């Protein structure tokens, strides 16, 4: 049984890479499959997105269907520190959501 699918949104290798927008469609496709499987078979998997997540990309991936976002560089290299980085990410994630 699969509980989680990890969509890698950058090329494997090193941190700090730019988010690959092709990943956004993969997230949407997986979300659609999950919704179909939930209603038919009760199957539920979480969608994790890893790579290129920052205040500009987090909203897009959450809206596409991501349940979990792995964030590294956007936190560890934020000019104002961890707390400011996390607040910025959380604020960006929630824009336009009810």
PDB file of N, CA and C in Angstrom:
ATOM      1  N   UNK A   1       0.848  -1.169   0.000  1.00  0.00           N
ATOM      2  CA  UNK A   1       0.000   0.000   0.000  1.00  0.00           C
ATOM      3  C   UNK A   1       0.893   1.232   0.000  1.00  0.00           C
ATOM      4  N   UNK A   2       0.484   2.243  -0.708  1.00  0.00           N
ATOM      5  CA  UNK A   2       1.222   3.501  -0.795  1.00  0.00           C
ATOM      6  C   UNK A   2       0.488   4.550   0.031  1.00  0.00           C
ATOM      7  N   UNK A   3       1.201   5.193   0.923  1.00  0.00           N
ATOM      8  CA  UNK A   3       0.621   6.231   1.770  1.00  0.00           C
ATOM      9  C   UNK A   3       0.970   7.633   1.307  1.00  0.00           C
ATOM     10  N   UNK A   4       2.088   7.750   0.564  1.00  0.00           N
ATOM     11  CA  UNK A   4       2.594   9.058   0.204  1.00  0.00           C
ATOM     12  C   UNK A   4       3.331   8.962  -1.129  1.00  0.00           C
ATOM     13  N   UNK A   5       3.149   9.971  -1.980  1.00  0.00           N
ATOM     14  CA  UNK A   5       3.901  10.076  -3.232  1.00  0.00           C
ATOM     15  C   UNK A   5       4.704  11.363  -3.173  1.00  0.00           C
ATOM     16  N   UNK A   6       6.002  11.256  -3.451  1.00  0.00           N
ATOM     17  CA  UNK A   6       6.929  12.384  -3.427  1.00  0.00           C
ATOM     18  C   UNK A   6       7.163  12.839  -4.864  1.00  0.00           C
ATOM     19  N   UNK A   7       6.757  14.066  -5.158  1.00  0.00           N
ATOM     20  CA  UNK A   7       7.023  14.651  -6.466  1.00  0.00           C
ATOM     21  C   UNK A   7       8.234  15.557  -6.318  1.00  0.00           C
ATOM     22  N   UNK A   8       9.301  15.208  -7.003  1.00  0.00           N
ATOM     23  CA  UNK A   8      10.524  15.998  -6.951  1.00  0.00           C
ATOM     24  C   UNK A   8      10.414  17.099  -8.006  1.00  0.00           C
ATOM     25  N   UNK A   9      10.414  18.337  -7.572  1.00  0.00           N
ATOM     26  CA  UNK A   9      10.162  19.476  -8.449  1.00  0.00           C
ATOM     27  C   UNK A   9      11.435  20.150  -8.950  1.00  0.00           C
ATOM     28  N   UNK A  10      12.557  19.487  -8.772  1.00  0.00           N
ATOM     29  CA  UNK A  10      13.849  19.971  -9.256  1.00  0.00           C
ATOM     30  C   UNK A  10      14.642  18.754  -9.745  1.00  0.00           C
ATOM     31  N   UNK A  11      15.772  19.001 -10.366  1.00  0.00           N
ATOM     32  CA  UNK A  11      16.666  17.901 -10.733  1.00  0.00           C
ATOM     33  C   UNK A  11      17.356  17.408  -9.466  1.00  0.00           C
ATOM     34  N   UNK A  12      17.497  16.110  -9.309  1.00  0.00           N
ATOM     35  CA  UNK A  12      18.177  15.604  -8.113  1.00  0.00           C
ATOM     36  C   UNK A  12      19.609  16.132  -8.040  1.00  0.00           C
ATOM     37  N   UNK A  13      20.061  16.385  -6.825  1.00  0.00           N
ATOM     38  CA  UNK A  13      21.456  16.746  -6.691  1.00  0.00           C
ATOM     39  C   UNK A  13      21.784  17.749  -5.609  1.00  0.00           C
ATOM     40  N   UNK A  14      21.237  18.946  -5.686  1.00  0.00           N
ATOM     41  CA  UNK A  14      21.652  19.956  -4.715  1.00  0.00           C
ATOM     42  C   UNK A  14      20.512  20.915  -4.421  1.00  0.00           C
ATOM     43  N   UNK A  15      20.576  21.550  -3.264  1.00  0.00           N
ATOM     44  CA  UNK A  15      19.549  22.480  -2.843  1.00  0.00           C
ATOM     45  C   UNK A  15      19.668  23.820  -3.540  1.00  0.00           C
ATOM     46  N   UNK A  16      18.596  24.602  -3.463  1.00  0.00           N
ATOM     47  CA  UNK A  16      18.606  25.946  -4.005  1.00  0.00           C
ATOM     48  C   UNK A  16      18.193  26.043  -5.460  1.00  0.00           C
ATOM     49  N   UNK A  17      17.748  24.937  -6.037  1.00  0.00           N
ATOM     50  CA  UNK A  17      17.347  24.961  -7.440  1.00  0.00           C
ATOM     51  C   UNK A  17      15.979  25.616  -7.625  1.00  0.00           C
ATOM     52  N   UNK A  18      15.726  26.056  -8.839  1.00  0.00           N
ATOM     53  CA  UNK A  18      14.463  26.684  -9.192  1.00  0.00           C
ATOM     54  C   UNK A  18      13.394  25.616  -9.412  1.00  0.00           C
ATOM     55  N   UNK A  19      12.181  25.893  -8.956  1.00  0.00           N
ATOM     56  CA  UNK A  19      11.030  25.014  -9.122  1.00  0.00           C
ATOM     57  C   UNK A  19      10.769  24.775 -10.607  1.00  0.00           C
ATOM     58  N   UNK A  20      10.566  23.507 -10.988  1.00  0.00           N
ATOM     59  CA  UNK A  20      10.244  23.157 -12.365  1.00  0.00           C
ATOM     60  C   UNK A  20       8.730  23.154 -12.520  1.00  0.00           C
ATOM     61  N   UNK A  21       8.166  24.073 -13.312  1.00  0.00           N
ATOM     62  CA  UNK A  21       6.715  24.180 -13.435  1.00  0.00           C
ATOM     63  C   UNK A  21       6.036  22.936 -14.003  1.00  0.00           C
ATOM     64  N   UNK A  22       6.767  22.050 -14.646  1.00  0.00           N
ATOM     65  CA  UNK A  22       6.202  20.788 -15.135  1.00  0.00           C
ATOM     66  C   UNK A  22       5.642  19.984 -13.964  1.00  0.00           C
ATOM     67  N   UNK A  23       6.223  20.156 -12.815  1.00  0.00           N
ATOM     68  CA  UNK A  23       5.785  19.440 -11.615  1.00  0.00           C
ATOM     69  C   UNK A  23       4.361  19.790 -11.224  1.00  0.00           C
ATOM     70  N   UNK A  24       3.947  21.005 -11.522  1.00  0.00           N
ATOM     71  CA  UNK A  24       2.606  21.456 -11.151  1.00  0.00           C
ATOM     72  C   UNK A  24       1.530  20.579 -11.802  1.00  0.00           C
ATOM     73  N   UNK A  25       1.726  20.220 -13.057  1.00  0.00           N
ATOM     74  CA  UNK A  25       0.758  19.351 -13.736  1.00  0.00           C
ATOM     75  C   UNK A  25       0.787  17.946 -13.145  1.00  0.00           C
ATOM     76  N   UNK A  26       1.954  17.483 -12.752  1.00  0.00           N
ATOM     77  CA  UNK A  26       2.052  16.165 -12.113  1.00  0.00           C
ATOM     78  C   UNK A  26       1.252  16.143 -10.808  1.00  0.00           C
ATOM     79  N   UNK A  27       1.336  17.229 -10.057  1.00  0.00           N
ATOM     80  CA  UNK A  27       0.581  17.329  -8.801  1.00  0.00           C
ATOM     81  C   UNK A  27      -0.916  17.286  -9.104  1.00  0.00           C
ATOM     82  N   UNK A  28      -1.348  18.054 -10.089  1.00  0.00           N
ATOM     83  CA  UNK A  28      -2.770  18.089 -10.459  1.00  0.00           C
ATOM     84  C   UNK A  28      -3.252  16.716 -10.921  1.00  0.00           C
ATOM     85  N   UNK A  29      -2.446  16.051 -11.734  1.00  0.00           N
ATOM     86  CA  UNK A  29      -2.821  14.722 -12.227  1.00  0.00           C
ATOM     87  C   UNK A  29      -2.944  13.719 -11.079  1.00  0.00           C
ATOM     88  N   UNK A  30      -1.991  13.763 -10.165  1.00  0.00           N
ATOM     89  CA  UNK A  30      -2.033  12.853  -9.026  1.00  0.00           C
ATOM     90  C   UNK A  30      -3.223  13.167  -8.123  1.00  0.00           C
ATOM     91  N   UNK A  31      -3.514  14.448  -7.904  1.00  0.00           N
ATOM     92  CA  UNK A  31      -4.678  14.827  -7.104  1.00  0.00           C
ATOM     93  C   UNK A  31      -5.965  14.297  -7.730  1.00  0.00           C
ATOM     94  N   UNK A  32      -6.097  14.433  -9.045  1.00  0.00           N
ATOM     95  CA  UNK A  32      -7.288  13.943  -9.732  1.00  0.00           C
ATOM     96  C   UNK A  32      -7.409  12.429  -9.585  1.00  0.00           C
ATOM     97  N   UNK A  33      -6.302  11.712  -9.764  1.00  0.00           N
ATOM     98  CA  UNK A  33      -6.314  10.254  -9.599  1.00  0.00           C
ATOM     99  C   UNK A  33      -6.723   9.889  -8.181  1.00  0.00           C
ATOM    100  N   UNK A  34      -6.158  10.610  -7.213  1.00  0.00           N
ATOM    101  CA  UNK A  34      -6.475  10.338  -5.807  1.00  0.00           C
ATOM    102  C   UNK A  34      -7.960  10.532  -5.536  1.00  0.00           C
ATOM    103  N   UNK A  35      -8.525  11.607  -6.054  1.00  0.00           N
ATOM    104  CA  UNK A  35      -9.947  11.874  -5.838  1.00  0.00           C
ATOM    105  C   UNK A  35     -10.812  10.762  -6.443  1.00  0.00           C
ATOM    106  N   UNK A  36     -10.434  10.296  -7.612  1.00  0.00           N
ATOM    107  CA  UNK A  36     -11.178   9.199  -8.247  1.00  0.00           C
ATOM    108  C   UNK A  36     -11.059   7.914  -7.425  1.00  0.00           C
ATOM    109  N   UNK A  37      -9.874   7.630  -6.944  1.00  0.00           N
ATOM    110  CA  UNK A  37      -9.644   6.404  -6.178  1.00  0.00           C
ATOM    111  C   UNK A  37     -10.308   6.451  -4.812  1.00  0.00           C
ATOM    112  N   UNK A  38     -10.374   7.627  -4.220  1.00  0.00           N
ATOM    113  CA  UNK A  38     -11.033   7.746  -2.919  1.00  0.00           C
ATOM    114  C   UNK A  38     -12.496   7.372  -3.041  1.00  0.00           C
ATOM    115  N   UNK A  39     -13.152   7.898  -4.062  1.00  0.00           N
ATOM    116  CA  UNK A  39     -14.586   7.624  -4.195  1.00  0.00           C
ATOM    117  C   UNK A  39     -14.847   6.181  -4.627  1.00  0.00           C
ATOM    118  N   UNK A  40     -13.967   5.617  -5.431  1.00  0.00           N
ATOM    119  CA  UNK A  40     -14.167   4.243  -5.927  1.00  0.00           C
ATOM    120  C   UNK A  40     -13.695   3.181  -4.930  1.00  0.00           C
ATOM    121  N   UNK A  41     -12.499   3.390  -4.387  1.00  0.00           N
ATOM    122  CA  UNK A  41     -11.832   2.337  -3.619  1.00  0.00           C
ATOM    123  C   UNK A  41     -11.424   2.735  -2.204  1.00  0.00           C
ATOM    124  N   UNK A  42     -11.695   3.956  -1.828  1.00  0.00           N
ATOM    125  CA  UNK A  42     -11.285   4.404  -0.506  1.00  0.00           C
ATOM    126  C   UNK A  42      -9.790   4.602  -0.368  1.00  0.00           C
ATOM    127  N   UNK A  43      -9.075   4.642  -1.496  1.00  0.00           N
ATOM    128  CA  UNK A  43      -7.620   4.815  -1.470  1.00  0.00           C
ATOM    129  C   UNK A  43      -7.297   6.293  -1.260  1.00  0.00           C
ATOM    130  N   UNK A  44      -6.392   6.549  -0.345  1.00  0.00           N
ATOM    131  CA  UNK A  44      -5.978   7.912  -0.069  1.00  0.00           C
ATOM    132  C   UNK A  44      -4.462   7.946   0.066  1.00  0.00           C
ATOM    133  N   UNK A  45      -3.822   8.807  -0.679  1.00  0.00           N
ATOM    134  CA  UNK A  45      -2.381   9.013  -0.552  1.00  0.00           C
ATOM    135  C   UNK A  45      -2.130  10.498  -0.367  1.00  0.00           C
ATOM    136  N   UNK A  46      -1.101  10.809   0.378  1.00  0.00           N
ATOM    137  CA  UNK A  46      -0.712  12.199   0.530  1.00  0.00           C
ATOM    138  C   UNK A  46       0.256  12.546  -0.591  1.00  0.00           C
ATOM    139  N   UNK A  47       0.205  13.811  -1.004  1.00  0.00           N
ATOM    140  CA  UNK A  47       1.081  14.306  -2.057  1.00  0.00           C
ATOM    141  C   UNK A  47       2.113  15.231  -1.422  1.00  0.00           C
ATOM    142  N   UNK A  48       3.376  14.852  -1.555  1.00  0.00           N
ATOM    143  CA  UNK A  48       4.490  15.623  -1.022  1.00  0.00           C
ATOM    144  C   UNK A  48       5.247  16.224  -2.192  1.00  0.00           C
ATOM    145  N   UNK A  49       5.586  17.500  -2.105  1.00  0.00           N
ATOM    146  CA  UNK A  49       6.362  18.160  -3.148  1.00  0.00           C
ATOM    147  C   UNK A  49       7.663  18.643  -2.530  1.00  0.00           C
ATOM    148  N   UNK A  50       8.764  18.293  -3.185  1.00  0.00           N
ATOM    149  CA  UNK A  50      10.097  18.571  -2.670  1.00  0.00           C
ATOM    150  C   UNK A  50      10.911  19.264  -3.748  1.00  0.00           C
ATOM    151  N   UNK A  51      11.407  20.460  -3.431  1.00  0.00           N
ATOM    152  CA  UNK A  51      12.311  21.146  -4.336  1.00  0.00           C
ATOM    153  C   UNK A  51      11.738  22.440  -4.880  1.00  0.00           C
ATOM    154  N   UNK A  52      12.471  23.510  -4.709  1.00  0.00           N
ATOM    155  CA  UNK A  52      12.082  24.797  -5.266  1.00  0.00           C
ATOM    156  C   UNK A  52      10.913  25.454  -4.567  1.00  0.00           C
ATOM    157  N   UNK A  53      10.587  24.978  -3.369  1.00  0.00           N
ATOM    158  CA  UNK A  53       9.457  25.560  -2.641  1.00  0.00           C
ATOM    159  C   UNK A  53       9.921  26.825  -1.922  1.00  0.00           C
ATOM    160  N   UNK A  54       9.215  27.911  -2.190  1.00  0.00           N
ATOM    161  CA  UNK A  54       9.494  29.187  -1.543  1.00  0.00           C
ATOM    162  C   UNK A  54       8.189  29.976  -1.472  1.00  0.00           C
ATOM    163  N   UNK A  55       8.256  31.222  -1.061  1.00  0.00           N
ATOM    164  CA  UNK A  55       7.037  32.018  -0.906  1.00  0.00           C
ATOM    165  C   UNK A  55       6.321  32.251  -2.236  1.00  0.00           C
ATOM    166  N   UNK A  56       7.030  32.142  -3.341  1.00  0.00           N
ATOM    167  CA  UNK A  56       6.403  32.345  -4.651  1.00  0.00           C
ATOM    168  C   UNK A  56       5.784  31.060  -5.202  1.00  0.00           C
ATOM    169  N   UNK A  57       6.279  29.908  -4.805  1.00  0.00           N
ATOM    170  CA  UNK A  57       5.793  28.648  -5.388  1.00  0.00           C
ATOM    171  C   UNK A  57       4.853  27.869  -4.471  1.00  0.00           C
ATOM    172  N   UNK A  58       4.891  28.125  -3.189  1.00  0.00           N
ATOM    173  CA  UNK A  58       4.126  27.300  -2.256  1.00  0.00           C
ATOM    174  C   UNK A  58       2.619  27.383  -2.513  1.00  0.00           C
ATOM    175  N   UNK A  59       2.126  28.550  -2.820  1.00  0.00           N
ATOM    176  CA  UNK A  59       0.688  28.693  -3.089  1.00  0.00           C
ATOM    177  C   UNK A  59       0.281  27.865  -4.304  1.00  0.00           C
ATOM    178  N   UNK A  60       1.082  27.905  -5.354  1.00  0.00           N
ATOM    179  CA  UNK A  60       0.776  27.146  -6.573  1.00  0.00           C
ATOM    180  C   UNK A  60       0.713  25.652  -6.314  1.00  0.00           C
ATOM    181  N   UNK A  61       1.676  25.129  -5.554  1.00  0.00           N
ATOM    182  CA  UNK A  61       1.683  23.681  -5.327  1.00  0.00           C
ATOM    183  C   UNK A  61       0.564  23.253  -4.382  1.00  0.00           C
ATOM    184  N   UNK A  62       0.232  24.082  -3.409  1.00  0.00           N
ATOM    185  CA  UNK A  62      -0.881  23.764  -2.511  1.00  0.00           C
ATOM    186  C   UNK A  62      -2.198  23.794  -3.291  1.00  0.00           C
ATOM    187  N   UNK A  63      -2.381  24.794  -4.128  1.00  0.00           N
ATOM    188  CA  UNK A  63      -3.589  24.863  -4.939  1.00  0.00           C
ATOM    189  C   UNK A  63      -3.663  23.704  -5.931  1.00  0.00           C
ATOM    190  N   UNK A  64      -2.521  23.243  -6.404  1.00  0.00           N
ATOM    191  CA  UNK A  64      -2.496  22.113  -7.338  1.00  0.00           C
ATOM    192  C   UNK A  64      -2.870  20.806  -6.644  1.00  0.00           C
ATOM    193  N   UNK A  65      -2.648  20.736  -5.309  1.00  0.00           N
ATOM    194  CA  UNK A  65      -3.035  19.537  -4.579  1.00  0.00           C
ATOM    195  C   UNK A  65      -2.029  18.991  -3.591  1.00  0.00           C
ATOM    196  N   UNK A  66      -0.923  19.675  -3.394  1.00  0.00           N
ATOM    197  CA  UNK A  66       0.086  19.188  -2.450  1.00  0.00           C
ATOM    198  C   UNK A  66      -0.433  19.240  -1.017  1.00  0.00           C
ATOM    199  N   UNK A  67      -0.152  18.179  -0.283  1.00  0.00           N
ATOM    200  CA  UNK A  67      -0.495  18.109   1.137  1.00  0.00           C
ATOM    201  C   UNK A  67       0.692  18.508   2.008  1.00  0.00           C
ATOM    202  N   UNK A  68       1.889  18.204   1.521  1.00  0.00           N
ATOM    203  CA  UNK A  68       3.120  18.446   2.275  1.00  0.00           C
ATOM    204  C   UNK A  68       4.123  19.107   1.336  1.00  0.00           C
ATOM    205  N   UNK A  69       4.771  20.161   1.814  1.00  0.00           N
ATOM    206  CA  UNK A  69       5.810  20.830   1.036  1.00  0.00           C
ATOM    207  C   UNK A  69       7.124  20.749   1.814  1.00  0.00           C
ATOM    208  N   UNK A  70       8.151  20.270   1.151  1.00  0.00           N
ATOM    209  CA  UNK A  70       9.477  20.214   1.760  1.00  0.00           C
ATOM    210  C   UNK A  70      10.197  21.514   1.409  1.00  0.00           C
ATOM    211  N   UNK A  71      10.626  22.231   2.438  1.00  0.00           N
ATOM    212  CA  UNK A  71      11.264  23.531   2.238  1.00  0.00           C
ATOM    213  C   UNK A  71      12.633  23.512   2.896  1.00  0.00           C
ATOM    214  N   UNK A  72      13.648  23.895   2.136  1.00  0.00           N
ATOM    215  CA  UNK A  72      14.989  23.950   2.688  1.00  0.00           C
ATOM    216  C   UNK A  72      15.591  25.329   2.538  1.00  0.00           C
ATOM    217  N   UNK A  73      16.047  25.635   1.345  1.00  0.00           N
ATOM    218  CA  UNK A  73      16.748  26.884   1.078  1.00  0.00           C
ATOM    219  C   UNK A  73      15.933  28.112   1.471  1.00  0.00           C
ATOM    220  N   UNK A  74      14.638  28.092   1.206  1.00  0.00           N
ATOM    221  CA  UNK A  74      13.792  29.256   1.523  1.00  0.00           C
ATOM    222  C   UNK A  74      13.767  29.552   3.021  1.00  0.00           C
ATOM    223  N   UNK A  75      14.078  28.562   3.827  1.00  0.00           N
ATOM    224  CA  UNK A  75      14.133  28.773   5.276  1.00  0.00           C
ATOM    225  C   UNK A  75      15.563  29.053   5.726  1.00  0.00           C
ATOM    226  N   UNK A  76      16.485  28.195   5.308  1.00  0.00           N
ATOM    227  CA  UNK A  76      17.852  28.280   5.818  1.00  0.00           C
ATOM    228  C   UNK A  76      18.639  29.461   5.266  1.00  0.00           C
ATOM    229  N   UNK A  77      18.219  29.996   4.137  1.00  0.00           N
ATOM    230  CA  UNK A  77      18.938  31.140   3.565  1.00  0.00           C
ATOM    231  C   UNK A  77      18.096  32.415   3.561  1.00  0.00           C
ATOM    232  N   UNK A  78      17.020  32.433   4.327  1.00  0.00           N
ATOM    233  CA  UNK A  78      16.170  33.625   4.390  1.00  0.00           C
ATOM    234  C   UNK A  78      16.923  34.743   5.101  1.00  0.00           C
ATOM    235  N   UNK A  79      16.852  35.909   4.529  1.00  0.00           N
ATOM    236  CA  UNK A  79      17.619  37.051   5.052  1.00  0.00           C
ATOM    237  C   UNK A  79      17.236  37.445   6.471  1.00  0.00           C
ATOM    238  N   UNK A  80      15.982  37.129   6.888  1.00  0.00           N
ATOM    239  CA  UNK A  80      15.515  37.549   8.210  1.00  0.00           C
ATOM    240  C   UNK A  80      15.368  36.398   9.205  1.00  0.00           C
ATOM    241  N   UNK A  81      15.864  35.226   8.848  1.00  0.00           N
ATOM    242  CA  UNK A  81      15.859  34.102   9.776  1.00  0.00           C
ATOM    243  C   UNK A  81      14.663  33.172   9.649  1.00  0.00           C
ATOM    244  N   UNK A  82      14.685  32.116  10.462  1.00  0.00           N
ATOM    245  CA  UNK A  82      13.692  31.043  10.405  1.00  0.00           C
ATOM    246  C   UNK A  82      12.258  31.523  10.615  1.00  0.00           C
ATOM    247  N   UNK A  83      12.047  32.284  11.672  1.00  0.00           N
ATOM    248  CA  UNK A  83      10.680  32.709  12.008  1.00  0.00           C
ATOM    249  C   UNK A  83      10.069  33.527  10.880  1.00  0.00           C
ATOM    250  N   UNK A  84      10.828  34.450  10.341  1.00  0.00           N
ATOM    251  CA  UNK A  84      10.330  35.279   9.243  1.00  0.00           C
ATOM    252  C   UNK A  84      10.061  34.432   8.006  1.00  0.00           C
ATOM    253  N   UNK A  85      10.936  33.483   7.746  1.00  0.00           N
ATOM    254  CA  UNK A  85      10.760  32.603   6.580  1.00  0.00           C
ATOM    255  C   UNK A  85       9.484  31.783   6.709  1.00  0.00           C
ATOM    256  N   UNK A  86       9.270  31.203   7.877  1.00  0.00           N
ATOM    257  CA  UNK A  86       8.068  30.384   8.077  1.00  0.00           C
ATOM    258  C   UNK A  86       6.803  31.223   7.995  1.00  0.00           C
ATOM    259  N   UNK A  87       6.827  32.411   8.570  1.00  0.00           N
ATOM    260  CA  UNK A  87       5.657  33.288   8.479  1.00  0.00           C
ATOM    261  C   UNK A  87       5.372  33.644   7.026  1.00  0.00           C
ATOM    262  N   UNK A  88       6.395  33.982   6.289  1.00  0.00           N
ATOM    263  CA  UNK A  88       6.237  34.337   4.877  1.00  0.00           C
ATOM    264  C   UNK A  88       5.656  33.163   4.087  1.00  0.00           C
ATOM    265  N   UNK A  89       6.149  31.960   4.336  1.00  0.00           N
ATOM    266  CA  UNK A  89       5.634  30.772   3.646  1.00  0.00           C
ATOM    267  C   UNK A  89       4.173  30.511   3.997  1.00  0.00           C
ATOM    268  N   UNK A  90       3.849  30.597   5.272  1.00  0.00           N
ATOM    269  CA  UNK A  90       2.476  30.339   5.697  1.00  0.00           C
ATOM    270  C   UNK A  90       1.530  31.399   5.144  1.00  0.00           C
ATOM    271  N   UNK A  91       1.932  32.645   5.166  1.00  0.00           N
ATOM    272  CA  UNK A  91       1.104  33.722   4.626  1.00  0.00           C
ATOM    273  C   UNK A  91       0.901  33.544   3.122  1.00  0.00           C
ATOM    274  N   UNK A  92       1.950  33.187   2.420  1.00  0.00           N
ATOM    275  CA  UNK A  92       1.870  32.985   0.968  1.00  0.00           C
ATOM    276  C   UNK A  92       0.987  31.800   0.624  1.00  0.00           C
ATOM    277  N   UNK A  93       1.079  30.752   1.410  1.00  0.00           N
ATOM    278  CA  UNK A  93       0.295  29.537   1.171  1.00  0.00           C
ATOM    279  C   UNK A  93      -1.193  29.814   1.272  1.00  0.00           C
ATOM    280  N   UNK A  94      -1.592  30.704   2.159  1.00  0.00           N
ATOM    281  CA  UNK A  94      -3.009  30.921   2.448  1.00  0.00           C
ATOM    282  C   UNK A  94      -3.672  32.021   1.638  1.00  0.00           C
ATOM    283  N   UNK A  95      -2.942  32.703   0.807  1.00  0.00           N
ATOM    284  CA  UNK A  95      -3.537  33.789   0.033  1.00  0.00           C
ATOM    285  C   UNK A  95      -4.662  33.260  -0.833  1.00  0.00           C
ATOM    286  N   UNK A  96      -5.834  33.850  -0.684  1.00  0.00           N
ATOM    287  CA  UNK A  96      -6.979  33.483  -1.515  1.00  0.00           C
ATOM    288  C   UNK A  96      -7.672  32.207  -1.118  1.00  0.00           C
ATOM    289  N   UNK A  97      -7.239  31.563  -0.043  1.00  0.00           N
ATOM    290  CA  UNK A  97      -7.903  30.332   0.412  1.00  0.00           C
ATOM    291  C   UNK A  97      -8.865  30.670   1.514  1.00  0.00           C
ATOM    292  N   UNK A  98      -9.925  29.890   1.580  1.00  0.00           N
ATOM    293  CA  UNK A  98     -10.921  30.122   2.625  1.00  0.00           C
ATOM    294  C   UNK A  98     -10.858  29.033   3.655  1.00  0.00           C
TER     295      UNK A  98
END
